[in-house]
N, C-alpha and C. Protein backbone atom coordinates (compact mmCIF):
# COMPACT_ATOMS: atom_id res chain seq x y z
N MET A 1 -7.08 3.10 3.57
CA MET A 1 -6.24 3.87 4.45
C MET A 1 -5.96 5.24 3.85
N SER A 2 -5.77 5.29 2.56
CA SER A 2 -5.50 6.57 1.90
C SER A 2 -6.71 7.49 1.97
N THR A 3 -7.90 6.93 1.88
CA THR A 3 -9.11 7.72 2.01
C THR A 3 -9.23 8.32 3.40
N PHE A 4 -8.86 7.54 4.41
CA PHE A 4 -8.86 8.05 5.78
C PHE A 4 -7.95 9.27 5.90
N TRP A 5 -6.73 9.17 5.36
CA TRP A 5 -5.81 10.30 5.45
C TRP A 5 -6.30 11.50 4.66
N GLY A 6 -7.04 11.25 3.58
CA GLY A 6 -7.64 12.36 2.83
C GLY A 6 -8.65 13.12 3.66
N PHE A 7 -9.54 12.40 4.33
CA PHE A 7 -10.53 13.06 5.20
C PHE A 7 -9.86 13.72 6.41
N TYR A 8 -8.79 13.10 6.90
CA TYR A 8 -8.05 13.70 8.00
C TYR A 8 -7.44 15.04 7.57
N GLY A 9 -7.01 15.13 6.32
CA GLY A 9 -6.45 16.39 5.82
C GLY A 9 -7.47 17.52 5.84
N ILE A 10 -8.72 17.20 5.51
CA ILE A 10 -9.78 18.22 5.56
C ILE A 10 -9.99 18.70 7.00
N VAL A 11 -10.08 17.76 7.92
CA VAL A 11 -10.31 18.12 9.33
C VAL A 11 -9.12 18.91 9.88
N ASP A 12 -7.91 18.50 9.52
CA ASP A 12 -6.72 19.19 10.00
C ASP A 12 -6.65 20.63 9.50
N GLU A 13 -6.94 20.84 8.22
CA GLU A 13 -6.91 22.20 7.67
C GLU A 13 -8.02 23.07 8.26
N ALA A 14 -9.17 22.49 8.53
CA ALA A 14 -10.28 23.27 9.10
C ALA A 14 -9.97 23.68 10.54
N ASN A 15 -9.21 22.89 11.25
CA ASN A 15 -8.92 23.19 12.64
C ASN A 15 -7.77 24.17 12.85
N LYS A 16 -6.85 24.25 11.91
CA LYS A 16 -5.73 25.16 12.14
C LYS A 16 -5.90 26.49 11.42
N ASP A 17 -7.11 26.84 11.16
CA ASP A 17 -7.41 28.05 10.41
C ASP A 17 -7.66 29.26 11.32
N THR A 18 -7.26 29.19 12.57
CA THR A 18 -7.52 30.26 13.53
C THR A 18 -6.23 30.99 13.84
N GLU A 19 -6.25 32.32 13.74
CA GLU A 19 -5.07 33.12 14.06
C GLU A 19 -5.31 33.90 15.34
N VAL A 20 -4.30 33.97 16.17
CA VAL A 20 -4.36 34.65 17.44
C VAL A 20 -3.27 35.72 17.46
N GLU A 21 -3.63 36.95 17.83
CA GLU A 21 -2.63 38.01 17.92
C GLU A 21 -2.00 37.98 19.30
N VAL A 22 -0.70 38.11 19.35
CA VAL A 22 0.04 38.07 20.60
C VAL A 22 0.31 39.50 21.06
N VAL A 23 -0.14 39.84 22.25
CA VAL A 23 0.04 41.17 22.81
C VAL A 23 1.38 41.22 23.53
N THR A 24 2.20 42.21 23.19
CA THR A 24 3.49 42.33 23.85
C THR A 24 3.54 43.48 24.84
N GLU A 25 2.92 44.62 24.50
CA GLU A 25 2.95 45.78 25.39
C GLU A 25 1.56 46.37 25.49
N ARG A 26 1.26 46.88 26.65
CA ARG A 26 -0.04 47.52 26.87
C ARG A 26 0.21 48.80 27.69
N HIS A 27 -0.06 49.96 27.09
CA HIS A 27 0.09 51.25 27.75
C HIS A 27 -1.27 51.93 27.79
N GLY A 28 -1.98 51.75 28.86
CA GLY A 28 -3.31 52.35 28.96
C GLY A 28 -4.25 51.71 27.95
N LYS A 29 -4.77 52.53 27.01
CA LYS A 29 -5.67 52.02 25.98
C LYS A 29 -4.93 51.61 24.72
N VAL A 30 -3.64 51.88 24.64
CA VAL A 30 -2.85 51.54 23.45
C VAL A 30 -2.24 50.15 23.64
N VAL A 31 -2.48 49.28 22.67
CA VAL A 31 -1.98 47.92 22.72
C VAL A 31 -1.10 47.69 21.49
N TYR A 32 0.07 47.13 21.70
CA TYR A 32 0.99 46.84 20.60
C TYR A 32 1.00 45.34 20.34
N TYR A 33 0.75 44.97 19.10
CA TYR A 33 0.80 43.58 18.68
C TYR A 33 2.07 43.37 17.86
N THR A 34 2.86 42.41 18.23
CA THR A 34 4.10 42.20 17.48
C THR A 34 3.99 41.08 16.46
N LYS A 35 3.25 40.06 16.75
CA LYS A 35 3.16 38.97 15.78
C LYS A 35 1.81 38.28 15.88
N THR A 36 1.51 37.54 14.84
CA THR A 36 0.28 36.74 14.80
C THR A 36 0.69 35.29 14.65
N GLN A 37 0.13 34.43 15.44
CA GLN A 37 0.46 33.02 15.34
C GLN A 37 -0.81 32.21 15.07
N THR A 38 -0.64 31.10 14.39
CA THR A 38 -1.76 30.21 14.10
C THR A 38 -1.94 29.25 15.27
N LYS A 39 -3.15 29.11 15.71
CA LYS A 39 -3.44 28.25 16.85
C LYS A 39 -4.32 27.09 16.39
N TYR A 40 -3.95 25.91 16.75
CA TYR A 40 -4.73 24.72 16.42
C TYR A 40 -5.77 24.53 17.51
N ILE A 41 -7.05 24.65 17.14
CA ILE A 41 -8.10 24.59 18.16
C ILE A 41 -8.72 23.20 18.30
N GLY A 42 -8.80 22.44 17.23
CA GLY A 42 -9.28 21.07 17.31
C GLY A 42 -10.75 20.90 17.62
N LYS A 43 -11.59 21.86 17.27
CA LYS A 43 -13.02 21.75 17.58
C LYS A 43 -13.79 20.94 16.53
N ILE A 44 -13.34 20.95 15.31
CA ILE A 44 -14.06 20.26 14.23
C ILE A 44 -13.51 18.84 14.12
N THR A 45 -14.41 17.86 14.25
CA THR A 45 -14.02 16.46 14.11
C THR A 45 -14.75 15.76 12.97
N ASN A 46 -15.71 16.42 12.37
CA ASN A 46 -16.48 15.85 11.28
C ASN A 46 -15.98 16.41 9.96
N PRO A 47 -15.57 15.55 9.01
CA PRO A 47 -15.07 16.05 7.73
C PRO A 47 -16.11 16.88 6.96
N LYS A 48 -17.39 16.57 7.14
CA LYS A 48 -18.43 17.32 6.44
C LYS A 48 -18.47 18.78 6.94
N LYS A 49 -18.34 18.98 8.25
CA LYS A 49 -18.30 20.34 8.80
C LYS A 49 -17.03 21.06 8.37
N GLY A 50 -15.93 20.33 8.30
CA GLY A 50 -14.69 20.92 7.80
C GLY A 50 -14.80 21.33 6.35
N TRP A 51 -15.48 20.50 5.54
CA TRP A 51 -15.70 20.81 4.13
C TRP A 51 -16.51 22.09 3.99
N GLU A 52 -17.55 22.23 4.82
CA GLU A 52 -18.39 23.43 4.77
C GLU A 52 -17.63 24.68 5.22
N LYS A 53 -16.75 24.53 6.19
CA LYS A 53 -16.00 25.68 6.68
C LYS A 53 -14.95 26.15 5.67
N LEU A 54 -14.26 25.22 5.04
CA LEU A 54 -13.17 25.58 4.13
C LEU A 54 -13.64 25.95 2.73
N GLY A 55 -14.73 25.38 2.29
CA GLY A 55 -15.17 25.59 0.91
C GLY A 55 -14.75 24.41 0.04
N THR A 56 -15.32 24.34 -1.13
CA THR A 56 -15.14 23.18 -1.99
C THR A 56 -13.71 23.03 -2.49
N MET A 57 -13.14 24.08 -3.06
CA MET A 57 -11.82 23.97 -3.67
C MET A 57 -10.73 23.70 -2.64
N TYR A 58 -10.74 24.42 -1.54
CA TYR A 58 -9.71 24.25 -0.51
C TYR A 58 -9.83 22.87 0.15
N SER A 59 -11.04 22.42 0.39
CA SER A 59 -11.25 21.10 0.99
C SER A 59 -10.81 20.00 0.04
N PHE A 60 -11.14 20.16 -1.24
CA PHE A 60 -10.72 19.16 -2.22
C PHE A 60 -9.21 19.10 -2.32
N GLY A 61 -8.55 20.25 -2.25
CA GLY A 61 -7.09 20.29 -2.28
C GLY A 61 -6.48 19.62 -1.06
N ALA A 62 -7.07 19.85 0.11
CA ALA A 62 -6.56 19.22 1.34
C ALA A 62 -6.75 17.70 1.27
N PHE A 63 -7.91 17.26 0.79
CA PHE A 63 -8.16 15.82 0.64
C PHE A 63 -7.19 15.20 -0.34
N LEU A 64 -7.05 15.84 -1.50
CA LEU A 64 -6.22 15.29 -2.56
C LEU A 64 -4.74 15.24 -2.15
N SER A 65 -4.28 16.25 -1.44
CA SER A 65 -2.88 16.28 -1.02
C SER A 65 -2.54 15.11 -0.11
N ASP A 66 -3.33 14.90 0.91
CA ASP A 66 -3.05 13.81 1.84
C ASP A 66 -3.30 12.44 1.20
N PHE A 67 -4.30 12.36 0.36
CA PHE A 67 -4.60 11.11 -0.34
C PHE A 67 -3.44 10.71 -1.25
N VAL A 68 -2.91 11.67 -2.01
CA VAL A 68 -1.82 11.38 -2.94
C VAL A 68 -0.55 10.99 -2.19
N TRP A 69 -0.26 11.66 -1.06
CA TRP A 69 0.92 11.27 -0.28
C TRP A 69 0.79 9.84 0.22
N SER A 70 -0.39 9.44 0.64
CA SER A 70 -0.58 8.09 1.13
C SER A 70 -0.46 7.07 0.00
N ILE A 71 -1.06 7.36 -1.14
CA ILE A 71 -0.95 6.46 -2.30
C ILE A 71 0.51 6.34 -2.74
N LEU A 72 1.25 7.44 -2.69
CA LEU A 72 2.67 7.42 -3.03
C LEU A 72 3.43 6.50 -2.07
N GLY A 73 3.08 6.52 -0.79
CA GLY A 73 3.70 5.62 0.17
C GLY A 73 3.42 4.16 -0.13
N TRP A 74 2.18 3.85 -0.49
CA TRP A 74 1.84 2.46 -0.83
C TRP A 74 2.55 2.03 -2.11
N PHE A 75 2.65 2.93 -3.08
CA PHE A 75 3.35 2.61 -4.33
C PHE A 75 4.84 2.38 -4.06
N ALA A 76 5.44 3.21 -3.21
CA ALA A 76 6.85 3.03 -2.86
C ALA A 76 7.07 1.69 -2.17
N LEU A 77 6.15 1.30 -1.31
CA LEU A 77 6.26 0.00 -0.64
C LEU A 77 6.16 -1.14 -1.65
N TYR A 78 5.26 -1.00 -2.61
CA TYR A 78 5.12 -2.03 -3.65
C TYR A 78 6.41 -2.16 -4.46
N VAL A 79 6.99 -1.05 -4.88
CA VAL A 79 8.23 -1.09 -5.66
C VAL A 79 9.37 -1.65 -4.82
N LEU A 80 9.41 -1.25 -3.56
CA LEU A 80 10.46 -1.75 -2.67
C LEU A 80 10.37 -3.27 -2.50
N LEU A 81 9.17 -3.77 -2.28
CA LEU A 81 9.02 -5.22 -2.08
C LEU A 81 9.26 -6.02 -3.36
N SER A 82 9.08 -5.39 -4.51
CA SER A 82 9.28 -6.12 -5.76
C SER A 82 10.75 -6.22 -6.14
N GLN A 83 11.63 -5.39 -5.59
CA GLN A 83 13.03 -5.44 -5.99
C GLN A 83 14.00 -5.23 -4.82
N TYR A 84 13.63 -5.66 -3.62
CA TYR A 84 14.49 -5.41 -2.46
C TYR A 84 15.74 -6.28 -2.44
N ARG A 85 15.79 -7.36 -3.19
CA ARG A 85 16.96 -8.25 -3.19
C ARG A 85 18.09 -7.74 -4.09
N CYS A 86 17.82 -6.74 -4.88
CA CYS A 86 18.82 -6.22 -5.81
C CYS A 86 19.81 -5.36 -5.02
N ILE A 87 21.02 -5.86 -4.83
CA ILE A 87 22.02 -5.20 -3.99
C ILE A 87 22.52 -3.90 -4.63
N GLU A 88 22.43 -3.77 -5.93
CA GLU A 88 22.90 -2.56 -6.60
C GLU A 88 22.02 -1.34 -6.29
N LEU A 89 20.80 -1.57 -5.90
CA LEU A 89 19.86 -0.48 -5.66
C LEU A 89 19.63 -0.24 -4.17
N VAL A 90 20.65 -0.42 -3.36
CA VAL A 90 20.46 -0.31 -1.92
C VAL A 90 20.09 1.12 -1.52
N ASN A 91 20.67 2.14 -2.15
CA ASN A 91 20.32 3.52 -1.82
C ASN A 91 18.89 3.84 -2.22
N LEU A 92 18.47 3.35 -3.38
CA LEU A 92 17.09 3.55 -3.81
C LEU A 92 16.13 2.85 -2.87
N ASN A 93 16.52 1.66 -2.41
CA ASN A 93 15.66 0.91 -1.49
C ASN A 93 15.49 1.64 -0.15
N ILE A 94 16.55 2.27 0.33
CA ILE A 94 16.45 3.04 1.56
C ILE A 94 15.50 4.22 1.37
N PHE A 95 15.66 4.91 0.25
CA PHE A 95 14.78 6.03 -0.06
C PHE A 95 13.32 5.58 -0.17
N LEU A 96 13.09 4.47 -0.87
CA LEU A 96 11.73 3.96 -1.02
C LEU A 96 11.14 3.55 0.33
N GLY A 97 11.97 3.01 1.21
CA GLY A 97 11.49 2.65 2.54
C GLY A 97 11.06 3.87 3.34
N ILE A 98 11.84 4.94 3.25
CA ILE A 98 11.48 6.16 3.96
C ILE A 98 10.20 6.76 3.40
N VAL A 99 10.08 6.81 2.06
CA VAL A 99 8.86 7.34 1.43
C VAL A 99 7.66 6.48 1.81
N ALA A 100 7.83 5.17 1.85
CA ALA A 100 6.72 4.29 2.21
C ALA A 100 6.27 4.52 3.64
N ILE A 101 7.20 4.66 4.56
CA ILE A 101 6.84 4.88 5.97
C ILE A 101 6.14 6.22 6.15
N VAL A 102 6.71 7.26 5.54
CA VAL A 102 6.13 8.60 5.68
C VAL A 102 4.75 8.66 5.04
N GLY A 103 4.59 8.07 3.86
CA GLY A 103 3.30 8.13 3.16
C GLY A 103 2.21 7.31 3.82
N ILE A 104 2.53 6.09 4.21
CA ILE A 104 1.52 5.21 4.77
C ILE A 104 1.07 5.68 6.15
N THR A 105 1.97 6.24 6.94
CA THR A 105 1.60 6.69 8.27
C THR A 105 0.90 8.03 8.28
N GLY A 106 0.82 8.70 7.14
CA GLY A 106 0.05 9.93 7.05
C GLY A 106 0.82 11.20 7.34
N TYR A 107 2.14 11.14 7.39
CA TYR A 107 2.92 12.34 7.66
C TYR A 107 3.44 13.00 6.39
N GLY A 108 3.01 12.56 5.25
CA GLY A 108 3.46 13.15 3.99
C GLY A 108 3.05 14.60 3.83
N PHE A 109 1.89 14.96 4.39
CA PHE A 109 1.43 16.33 4.25
C PHE A 109 2.28 17.31 5.03
N LYS A 110 3.07 16.84 5.98
CA LYS A 110 3.93 17.72 6.78
C LYS A 110 5.23 18.06 6.06
N ILE A 111 5.59 17.32 5.03
CA ILE A 111 6.86 17.56 4.33
C ILE A 111 6.91 18.94 3.69
N PRO A 112 5.88 19.40 2.94
CA PRO A 112 5.96 20.76 2.40
C PRO A 112 6.03 21.83 3.48
N GLU A 113 5.41 21.63 4.63
CA GLU A 113 5.48 22.60 5.72
C GLU A 113 6.89 22.66 6.28
N LYS A 114 7.58 21.52 6.37
CA LYS A 114 8.93 21.48 6.91
C LYS A 114 9.95 22.04 5.92
N MET A 115 9.62 22.04 4.62
CA MET A 115 10.55 22.52 3.61
C MET A 115 10.49 24.03 3.42
N LYS A 116 9.52 24.69 4.02
CA LYS A 116 9.41 26.14 3.89
C LYS A 116 10.61 26.81 4.54
N VAL A 117 11.09 27.86 3.91
CA VAL A 117 12.23 28.58 4.45
C VAL A 117 11.70 29.87 5.06
N GLY A 118 12.10 30.16 6.29
CA GLY A 118 11.69 31.42 6.91
C GLY A 118 10.63 31.28 7.93
């Protein structure tokens, strides 16, 4: 399962690499652009094509990031199941449960994006 999320990370990064400029005003031949937004196009579905588009280092980083988040989720689940009866660690068990759910379901890679300020 972790390998699947690793390959999904490559495909996801290859697909959201397109920027679109937003036109706000147009006066004759003069065009004013106020912002640039990233658009998810979803054309690449093969991890091999995504690897070729992104390059070796960036693709390896995308694979490793999602793979590690998934492994972390499985490890958190293992620790949680090995000591869930210990009533003194109820807060730790809640945290481990959240990490396990986020990691195993493949949403761990979204956490750094959500933590960005600005």
